[in-house]
C-alpha atoms as a PDB file:
ATOM      1  CA  MET A   1      -6.515   1.392   9.818  1.00  0.00           C
ATOM      2  CA  ARG A   2      -2.967  -0.100  10.436  1.00  0.00           C
ATOM      3  CA  VAL A   3      -4.193  -2.787  13.120  1.00  0.00           C
ATOM      4  CA  SER A   4      -6.970  -3.857   9.858  1.00  0.00           C
ATOM      5  CA  ILE A   5      -4.385  -3.894   6.603  1.00  0.00           C
ATOM      6  CA  HIS A   6      -1.616  -5.814   9.873  1.00  0.00           C
ATOM      7  CA  GLU A   7      -4.969  -8.144  10.520  1.00  0.00           C
ATOM      8  CA  ASP A   8      -6.493  -8.872   7.571  1.00  0.00           C
ATOM      9  CA  PHE A   9      -3.302  -8.957   4.835  1.00  0.00           C
ATOM     10  CA  CYS A  10      -1.475 -10.898   6.700  1.00  0.00           C
ATOM     11  CA  GLY A  11      -2.193 -14.648   5.787  1.00  0.00           C
ATOM     12  CA  ILE A  12       0.363 -16.778   3.218  1.00  0.00           C
ATOM     13  CA  GLY A  13      -2.409 -16.774   0.826  1.00  0.00           C
ATOM     14  CA  MET A  14      -3.013 -12.706   0.591  1.00  0.00           C
ATOM     15  CA  GLY A  15       0.122 -12.291  -1.765  1.00  0.00           C
ATOM     16  CA  ARG A  16      -1.697 -11.012  -4.300  1.00  0.00           C
ATOM     17  CA  HIS A  17      -4.233  -9.433  -2.605  1.00  0.00           C
ATOM     18  CA  ARG A  18      -1.632  -7.551  -1.044  1.00  0.00           C
ATOM     19  CA  ALA A  19      -0.416  -6.483  -4.211  1.00  0.00           C
ATOM     20  CA  ASP A  20      -2.586  -5.263  -5.668  1.00  0.00           C
ATOM     21  CA  LEU A  21      -3.798  -2.970  -2.967  1.00  0.00           C
ATOM     22  CA  ILE A  22       0.096  -1.939  -3.072  1.00  0.00           C
ATOM     23  CA  GLN A  23      -0.047  -1.462  -6.463  1.00  0.00           C
ATOM     24  CA  HIS A  24      -3.386   0.393  -5.605  1.00  0.00           C
ATOM     25  CA  LEU A  25      -2.251   2.711  -3.486  1.00  0.00           C
ATOM     26  CA  ASP A  26       1.020   3.856  -5.682  1.00  0.00           C
ATOM     27  CA  ASP A  27      -1.538   4.795  -8.838  1.00  0.00           C
ATOM     28  CA  VAL A  28      -4.069   6.339  -5.793  1.00  0.00           C
ATOM     29  CA  LEU A  29      -0.283   9.077  -4.688  1.00  0.00           C
ATOM     30  CA  GLY A  30       0.468   9.300  -8.434  1.00  0.00           C
ATOM     31  CA  GLN A  31      -3.181  10.893  -8.611  1.00  0.00           C
ATOM     32  CA  LEU A  32      -2.784  13.451  -4.921  1.00  0.00           C
ATOM     33  CA  ASP A  33       1.168  14.197  -6.385  1.00  0.00           C
ATOM     34  CA  GLN A  34      -0.866  15.480 -10.215  1.00  0.00           C
ATOM     35  CA  ARG A  35      -3.117  16.634  -8.373  1.00  0.00           C
ATOM     36  CA  LEU A  36      -0.189  18.564  -5.443  1.00  0.00           C
ATOM     37  CA  ARG A  37       1.551  19.847  -9.069  1.00  0.00           C
ATOM     38  CA  LEU A  38      -1.631  20.913 -10.812  1.00  0.00           C
ATOM     39  CA  ARG A  39      -2.744  22.816  -7.499  1.00  0.00           C
ATOM     40  CA  ASN A  40       1.426  24.335  -6.791  1.00  0.00           C
ATOM     41  CA  TYR A  41       1.420  25.329 -11.136  1.00  0.00           C
ATOM     42  CA  GLU A  42      -1.775  25.839 -12.480  1.00  0.00           C
ATOM     43  CA  ARG A  43      -3.776  27.138 -10.215  1.00  0.00           C
ATOM     44  CA  TYR A  44      -5.658  24.417 -10.560  1.00  0.00           C
ATOM     45  CA  LYS A  45      -8.863  25.443  -9.511  1.00  0.00           C
ATOM     46  CA  SER A  46     -10.317  21.966  -7.144  1.00  0.00           C
ATOM     47  CA  ASP A  47     -12.525  21.740  -4.130  1.00  0.00           C
ATOM     48  CA  LEU A  48      -9.745  19.997  -2.286  1.00  0.00           C
ATOM     49  CA  ASN A  49      -7.737  22.764  -0.845  1.00  0.00           C
ATOM     50  CA  LYS A  50      -3.796  21.820  -0.621  1.00  0.00           C
ATOM     51  CA  GLY A  51      -3.109  21.520   2.696  1.00  0.00           C
ATOM     52  CA  ARG A  52      -5.718  18.197   2.447  1.00  0.00           C
ATOM     53  CA  LEU A  53      -4.947  17.098  -1.157  1.00  0.00           C
ATOM     54  CA  GLN A  54      -0.859  17.435   1.312  1.00  0.00           C
ATOM     55  CA  ASP A  55      -3.967  15.752   4.651  1.00  0.00           C
ATOM     56  CA  MET A  56      -4.804  11.790   1.970  1.00  0.00           C
ATOM     57  CA  LYS A  57      -1.384  11.627   0.930  1.00  0.00           C
ATOM     58  CA  ARG A  58      -0.307  10.994   4.087  1.00  0.00           C
ATOM     59  CA  GLN A  59      -2.330   8.905   5.533  1.00  0.00           C
ATOM     60  CA  TYR A  60      -2.506   6.663   2.367  1.00  0.00           C
ATOM     61  CA  GLN A  61       0.891   6.840   2.734  1.00  0.00           C
ATOM     62  CA  GLN A  62       0.721   5.269   5.808  1.00  0.00           C
ATOM     63  CA  LEU A  63      -1.139   2.887   5.214  1.00  0.00           C
ATOM     64  CA  ARG A  64       1.016   1.631   2.251  1.00  0.00           C
ATOM     65  CA  GLU A  65       3.433   1.888   4.393  1.00  0.00           C
ATOM     66  CA  ALA A  66       1.482  -0.480   6.638  1.00  0.00           C
ATOM     67  CA  LEU A  67       1.143  -3.195   4.756  1.00  0.00           C
ATOM     68  CA  LEU A  68       4.535  -3.507   2.898  1.00  0.00           C
ATOM     69  CA  GLU A  69       5.589  -4.382   6.289  1.00  0.00           C
ATOM     70  CA  VAL A  70       2.901  -7.017   6.720  1.00  0.00           C
ATOM     71  CA  ASN A  71       4.241  -8.073   3.901  1.00  0.00           C
ATOM     72  CA  THR A  72       7.805  -7.381   4.750  1.00  0.00           C
ATOM     73  CA  LYS A  73       6.916 -10.420   8.231  1.00  0.00           C
ATOM     74  CA  ALA A  74       4.480 -12.470   5.786  1.00  0.00           C
ATOM     75  CA  ILE A  75       7.990 -13.761   3.319  1.00  0.00           C
ATOM     76  CA  ALA A  76      10.239 -12.984   6.089  1.00  0.00           C
ATOM     77  CA  ARG A  77       7.743 -15.557   7.944  1.00  0.00           C
ATOM     78  CA  THR A  78       6.959 -17.656   4.724  1.00  0.00           C
ATOM     79  CA  SER A  79      11.552 -18.333   3.502  1.00  0.00           C
ATOM     80  CA  SER A  80      11.467 -19.882   7.507  1.00  0.00           C
ATOM     81  CA  TYR A  81       9.069 -22.371   6.543  1.00  0.00           C
ATOM     82  CA  PRO A  82      10.860 -25.576   5.866  1.00  0.00           C
ATOM     83  CA  ARG A  83      10.722 -26.738   2.304  1.00  0.00           C
ATOM     84  CA  LEU A  84       9.251 -30.334   1.599  1.00  0.00           C
ATOM     85  CA  TYR A  85      10.696 -32.973  -0.724  1.00  0.00           C
ATOM     86  CA  CYS A  86       7.803 -34.923  -3.261  1.00  0.00           C
ATOM     87  CA  PRO A  87       8.553 -37.183  -4.989  1.00  0.00           C
ATOM     88  CA  VAL A  88       5.664 -37.942  -6.509  1.00  0.00           C
ATOM     89  CA  CYS A  89       4.860 -34.173  -7.204  1.00  0.00           C
END
């Protein structure tokens, strides 16, 4: 999955898509944290056990880290491009 993220989201025009996906991953991680807290403190009944929730959280965190890495590289790459001046614009 990390390879796919590097290949599919590395383009310059993908910045908005990277931002949207990072936001979505943050939301999912927040929901997983909430479920883990409920499970730990309120004996929340769930078909997913605590270990499975922790595995899911770890996988989403890895995807988020890969996406942030791609985003950082894309920003660095675009900031190194020379800026063009257009007197007509």
